[in-house]
Every structure is written in C-alpha cells, then in structure tokens.
C-alpha cells in the first residue's frame, strides 16, 4: 500500500473545501491529507507556528516533525525551498488550485510541477521568506 502525507497551506477553517493560501510560511493553518493508493484516506488540520523562533525554517521543521512527505505551495522563498529539500519533503507548485481538494486531486493525478527556483519569490525581505 502506497501512502503519502501531503501538506497544503490553507485559509480558515482548513480542510478539503478551504482555499489554498498563497504562501506556505504565512498561512494560518495547514491541511494535512493522507493519500493512500490514490485516494484521500484522512484529513487533519494543524495551525501554523510563528516565524520568530527559527525564522523561515520553523515551519519547515514543524511540518517535518508531523511526518509530512510533500507540500503543495503557491509561493515560498529560496531558503525554505532548500530547507524542505534538506529534510526530504517534496515541494510541488500548486498551479493555481483554488481549494485544498483541487490541489490534492492534482497531486493524485500527478499533474503538479516540482517547485523550482523560477517559482520562488524574493519578497524583498532580508531573510528570504518573502512577504506574501
């Protein structure tokens, strides 16, 4: 049985019907979706954590602690993108998915591109987090 835990930055209140937040690090919550053999098996909502302790790497490590294996994001800076690679979390570009359900369905279909440097945002902040 193939199983993957996918995180999607989400608007309030989270869950499959929630909108996808534009930037992973500044979202209010993450919807964690367990995909087993091409089907949604479980959905959990967790709050985001503040950046103060650990900067941009705080949410990266937080998701790694929750055993996330992939994240679908619309935007992030280069520093967290590299951090996700370091902790073994695959980063996929959300491609404009409107809801968490749409994003996860695209993940299951294999139609999301790998998040590459071209998708990163500079955001103008000195820490590379971006300002979304």
C-alpha atoms as a PDB file:
ATOM      1  CA  UNK A   1       0.000   0.000   0.000  1.00  0.00           C
ATOM      2  CA  UNK A   2       1.359   3.400  -1.037  1.00  0.00           C
ATOM      3  CA  UNK A   3       0.786   6.270   1.397  1.00  0.00           C
ATOM      4  CA  UNK A   4       1.891   9.911   1.286  1.00  0.00           C
ATOM      5  CA  UNK A   5       1.167  12.687   3.796  1.00  0.00           C
ATOM      6  CA  UNK A   6       0.653  15.939   1.883  1.00  0.00           C
ATOM      7  CA  UNK A   7       0.520  19.417   3.482  1.00  0.00           C
ATOM      8  CA  UNK A   8      -1.432  22.257   1.867  1.00  0.00           C
ATOM      9  CA  UNK A   9      -1.219  25.819   3.278  1.00  0.00           C
ATOM     10  CA  UNK A  10      -4.868  26.654   3.912  1.00  0.00           C
ATOM     11  CA  UNK A  11      -7.246  29.505   4.594  1.00  0.00           C
ATOM     12  CA  UNK A  12      -9.589  29.369   7.604  1.00  0.00           C
ATOM     13  CA  UNK A  13     -11.158  26.967   8.535  1.00  0.00           C
ATOM     14  CA  UNK A  14      -8.882  24.448   6.771  1.00  0.00           C
ATOM     15  CA  UNK A  15      -9.990  21.126   5.342  1.00  0.00           C
ATOM     16  CA  UNK A  16     -10.679  19.954   1.797  1.00  0.00           C
ATOM     17  CA  UNK A  17     -13.090  22.792   0.966  1.00  0.00           C
ATOM     18  CA  UNK A  18     -10.731  25.523   2.218  1.00  0.00           C
ATOM     19  CA  UNK A  19      -8.930  27.850  -0.129  1.00  0.00           C
ATOM     20  CA  UNK A  20      -5.232  27.325  -0.767  1.00  0.00           C
ATOM     21  CA  UNK A  21      -3.170  30.052   0.908  1.00  0.00           C
ATOM     22  CA  UNK A  22      -0.793  31.807  -1.485  1.00  0.00           C
ATOM     23  CA  UNK A  23       2.336  31.476   0.675  1.00  0.00           C
ATOM     24  CA  UNK A  24       3.223  28.491   2.836  1.00  0.00           C
ATOM     25  CA  UNK A  25       5.058  30.314   5.631  1.00  0.00           C
ATOM     26  CA  UNK A  26       2.415  32.920   6.380  1.00  0.00           C
ATOM     27  CA  UNK A  27      -0.717  30.781   6.185  1.00  0.00           C
ATOM     28  CA  UNK A  28      -2.910  30.416   9.263  1.00  0.00           C
ATOM     29  CA  UNK A  29      -3.043  26.633   9.069  1.00  0.00           C
ATOM     30  CA  UNK A  30      -2.081  23.545   7.125  1.00  0.00           C
ATOM     31  CA  UNK A  31      -4.438  20.868   5.935  1.00  0.00           C
ATOM     32  CA  UNK A  32      -2.616  17.524   6.125  1.00  0.00           C
ATOM     33  CA  UNK A  33      -4.048  14.978   3.724  1.00  0.00           C
ATOM     34  CA  UNK A  34      -3.089  11.319   3.839  1.00  0.00           C
ATOM     35  CA  UNK A  35      -3.231   9.870   0.328  1.00  0.00           C
ATOM     36  CA  UNK A  36      -3.304   6.073   0.185  1.00  0.00           C
ATOM     37  CA  UNK A  37      -3.281   4.221  -3.129  1.00  0.00           C
ATOM     38  CA  UNK A  38      -4.591   7.266  -4.990  1.00  0.00           C
ATOM     39  CA  UNK A  39      -7.408   8.044  -2.551  1.00  0.00           C
ATOM     40  CA  UNK A  40      -7.822  10.514   0.298  1.00  0.00           C
ATOM     41  CA  UNK A  41      -7.694   8.438   3.471  1.00  0.00           C
ATOM     42  CA  UNK A  42      -7.514  11.053   6.233  1.00  0.00           C
ATOM     43  CA  UNK A  43      -7.618  14.828   6.703  1.00  0.00           C
ATOM     44  CA  UNK A  44      -6.129  16.710   9.666  1.00  0.00           C
ATOM     45  CA  UNK A  45      -5.855  20.460  10.276  1.00  0.00           C
ATOM     46  CA  UNK A  46      -2.928  21.914  12.221  1.00  0.00           C
ATOM     47  CA  UNK A  47      -2.182  25.577  12.999  1.00  0.00           C
ATOM     48  CA  UNK A  48       0.881  27.281  11.593  1.00  0.00           C
ATOM     49  CA  UNK A  49       3.602  28.381  14.018  1.00  0.00           C
ATOM     50  CA  UNK A  50       5.233  31.811  14.310  1.00  0.00           C
ATOM     51  CA  UNK A  51       8.459  32.530  12.451  1.00  0.00           C
ATOM     52  CA  UNK A  52      10.159  34.147  15.463  1.00  0.00           C
ATOM     53  CA  UNK A  53      11.972  31.031  16.619  1.00  0.00           C
ATOM     54  CA  UNK A  54      13.903  29.604  13.687  1.00  0.00           C
ATOM     55  CA  UNK A  55      12.850  32.106  11.015  1.00  0.00           C
ATOM     56  CA  UNK A  56      11.761  30.577   7.723  1.00  0.00           C
ATOM     57  CA  UNK A  57      12.971  27.154   8.826  1.00  0.00           C
ATOM     58  CA  UNK A  58      10.487  26.988  11.718  1.00  0.00           C
ATOM     59  CA  UNK A  59       7.518  25.917   9.549  1.00  0.00           C
ATOM     60  CA  UNK A  60       9.782  23.581   7.533  1.00  0.00           C
ATOM     61  CA  UNK A  61      10.907  21.737  10.663  1.00  0.00           C
ATOM     62  CA  UNK A  62       7.372  21.819  12.092  1.00  0.00           C
ATOM     63  CA  UNK A  63       5.989  20.019   9.022  1.00  0.00           C
ATOM     64  CA  UNK A  64       8.899  17.552   9.078  1.00  0.00           C
ATOM     65  CA  UNK A  65       8.028  16.744  12.718  1.00  0.00           C
ATOM     66  CA  UNK A  66       4.472  15.963  11.564  1.00  0.00           C
ATOM     67  CA  UNK A  67       5.920  13.403   9.080  1.00  0.00           C
ATOM     68  CA  UNK A  68       4.851  15.398   6.007  1.00  0.00           C
ATOM     69  CA  UNK A  69       6.306  13.930   2.801  1.00  0.00           C
ATOM     70  CA  UNK A  70       5.127  16.530   0.268  1.00  0.00           C
ATOM     71  CA  UNK A  71       3.876  20.119   0.325  1.00  0.00           C
ATOM     72  CA  UNK A  72       1.805  21.865  -2.316  1.00  0.00           C
ATOM     73  CA  UNK A  73       2.524  25.599  -2.326  1.00  0.00           C
ATOM     74  CA  UNK A  74       1.823  28.631  -4.454  1.00  0.00           C
ATOM     75  CA  UNK A  75       4.787  30.594  -3.208  1.00  0.00           C
ATOM     76  CA  UNK A  76       7.848  30.478  -0.973  1.00  0.00           C
ATOM     77  CA  UNK A  77      11.332  31.897  -0.822  1.00  0.00           C
ATOM     78  CA  UNK A  78      14.505  30.080  -1.827  1.00  0.00           C
ATOM     79  CA  UNK A  79      15.634  29.473   1.763  1.00  0.00           C
ATOM     80  CA  UNK A  80      12.584  27.425   2.832  1.00  0.00           C
ATOM     81  CA  UNK A  81      12.590  25.614  -0.527  1.00  0.00           C
ATOM     82  CA  UNK A  82      16.156  24.463   0.163  1.00  0.00           C
ATOM     83  CA  UNK A  83      15.129  23.601   3.733  1.00  0.00           C
ATOM     84  CA  UNK A  84      12.347  21.319   2.507  1.00  0.00           C
ATOM     85  CA  UNK A  85      14.842  19.568   0.236  1.00  0.00           C
ATOM     86  CA  UNK A  86      17.207  19.109   3.207  1.00  0.00           C
ATOM     87  CA  UNK A  87      14.538  17.434   5.348  1.00  0.00           C
ATOM     88  CA  UNK A  88      13.319  15.238   2.465  1.00  0.00           C
ATOM     89  CA  UNK A  89       9.946  16.890   1.808  1.00  0.00           C
ATOM     90  CA  UNK A  90       8.986  17.085  -1.865  1.00  0.00           C
ATOM     91  CA  UNK A  91       7.782  20.578  -2.877  1.00  0.00           C
ATOM     92  CA  UNK A  92       5.171  20.879  -5.615  1.00  0.00           C
ATOM     93  CA  UNK A  93       3.780  24.050  -7.175  1.00  0.00           C
ATOM     94  CA  UNK A  94       0.038  24.464  -6.600  1.00  0.00           C
ATOM     95  CA  UNK A  95      -0.524  25.684 -10.166  1.00  0.00           C
ATOM     96  CA  UNK A  96      -3.341  27.992  -9.061  1.00  0.00           C
ATOM     97  CA  UNK A  97      -5.503  25.335  -7.356  1.00  0.00           C
ATOM     98  CA  UNK A  98      -8.435  27.108  -5.710  1.00  0.00           C
ATOM     99  CA  UNK A  99      -9.228  24.601  -2.953  1.00  0.00           C
ATOM    100  CA  UNK A 100      -7.275  22.035  -0.968  1.00  0.00           C
ATOM    101  CA  UNK A 101      -9.398  19.357  -2.683  1.00  0.00           C
ATOM    102  CA  UNK A 102      -8.334  20.664  -6.122  1.00  0.00           C
ATOM    103  CA  UNK A 103      -4.663  20.717  -5.093  1.00  0.00           C
ATOM    104  CA  UNK A 104      -4.765  17.173  -3.705  1.00  0.00           C
ATOM    105  CA  UNK A 105      -6.676  15.881  -6.741  1.00  0.00           C
ATOM    106  CA  UNK A 106      -3.952  17.357  -8.985  1.00  0.00           C
ATOM    107  CA  UNK A 107      -1.330  15.715  -6.730  1.00  0.00           C
ATOM    108  CA  UNK A 108      -3.057  12.334  -7.074  1.00  0.00           C
ATOM    109  CA  UNK A 109      -3.254  12.811 -10.867  1.00  0.00           C
ATOM    110  CA  UNK A 110       0.461  13.624 -10.960  1.00  0.00           C
ATOM    111  CA  UNK A 111      -0.150  16.950 -12.718  1.00  0.00           C
ATOM    112  CA  UNK A 112       1.637  19.324 -10.321  1.00  0.00           C
ATOM    113  CA  UNK A 113       5.102  20.550 -11.350  1.00  0.00           C
ATOM    114  CA  UNK A 114       8.044  20.295  -8.975  1.00  0.00           C
ATOM    115  CA  UNK A 115       8.584  23.625  -7.254  1.00  0.00           C
ATOM    116  CA  UNK A 116      11.711  25.098  -8.815  1.00  0.00           C
ATOM    117  CA  UNK A 117      13.692  28.300  -8.437  1.00  0.00           C
ATOM    118  CA  UNK A 118      11.548  30.011 -11.076  1.00  0.00           C
ATOM    119  CA  UNK A 119       8.545  29.830  -8.712  1.00  0.00           C
ATOM    120  CA  UNK A 120      10.364  31.314  -5.711  1.00  0.00           C
ATOM    121  CA  UNK A 121       9.608  34.804  -4.561  1.00  0.00           C
ATOM    122  CA  UNK A 122      12.261  37.230  -3.367  1.00  0.00           C
ATOM    123  CA  UNK A 123       9.677  39.213  -1.441  1.00  0.00           C
ATOM    124  CA  UNK A 124      12.222  41.915  -0.744  1.00  0.00           C
ATOM    125  CA  UNK A 125      12.819  40.708   2.806  1.00  0.00           C
ATOM    126  CA  UNK A 126      16.322  40.211   4.066  1.00  0.00           C
ATOM    127  CA  UNK A 127      15.597  36.725   5.407  1.00  0.00           C
ATOM    128  CA  UNK A 128      14.353  35.315   2.084  1.00  0.00           C
ATOM    129  CA  UNK A 129      10.944  34.396   3.479  1.00  0.00           C
ATOM    130  CA  UNK A 130       9.062  36.621   1.068  1.00  0.00           C
ATOM    131  CA  UNK A 131       6.192  38.860   2.041  1.00  0.00           C
ATOM    132  CA  UNK A 132       3.002  37.161   0.902  1.00  0.00           C
END
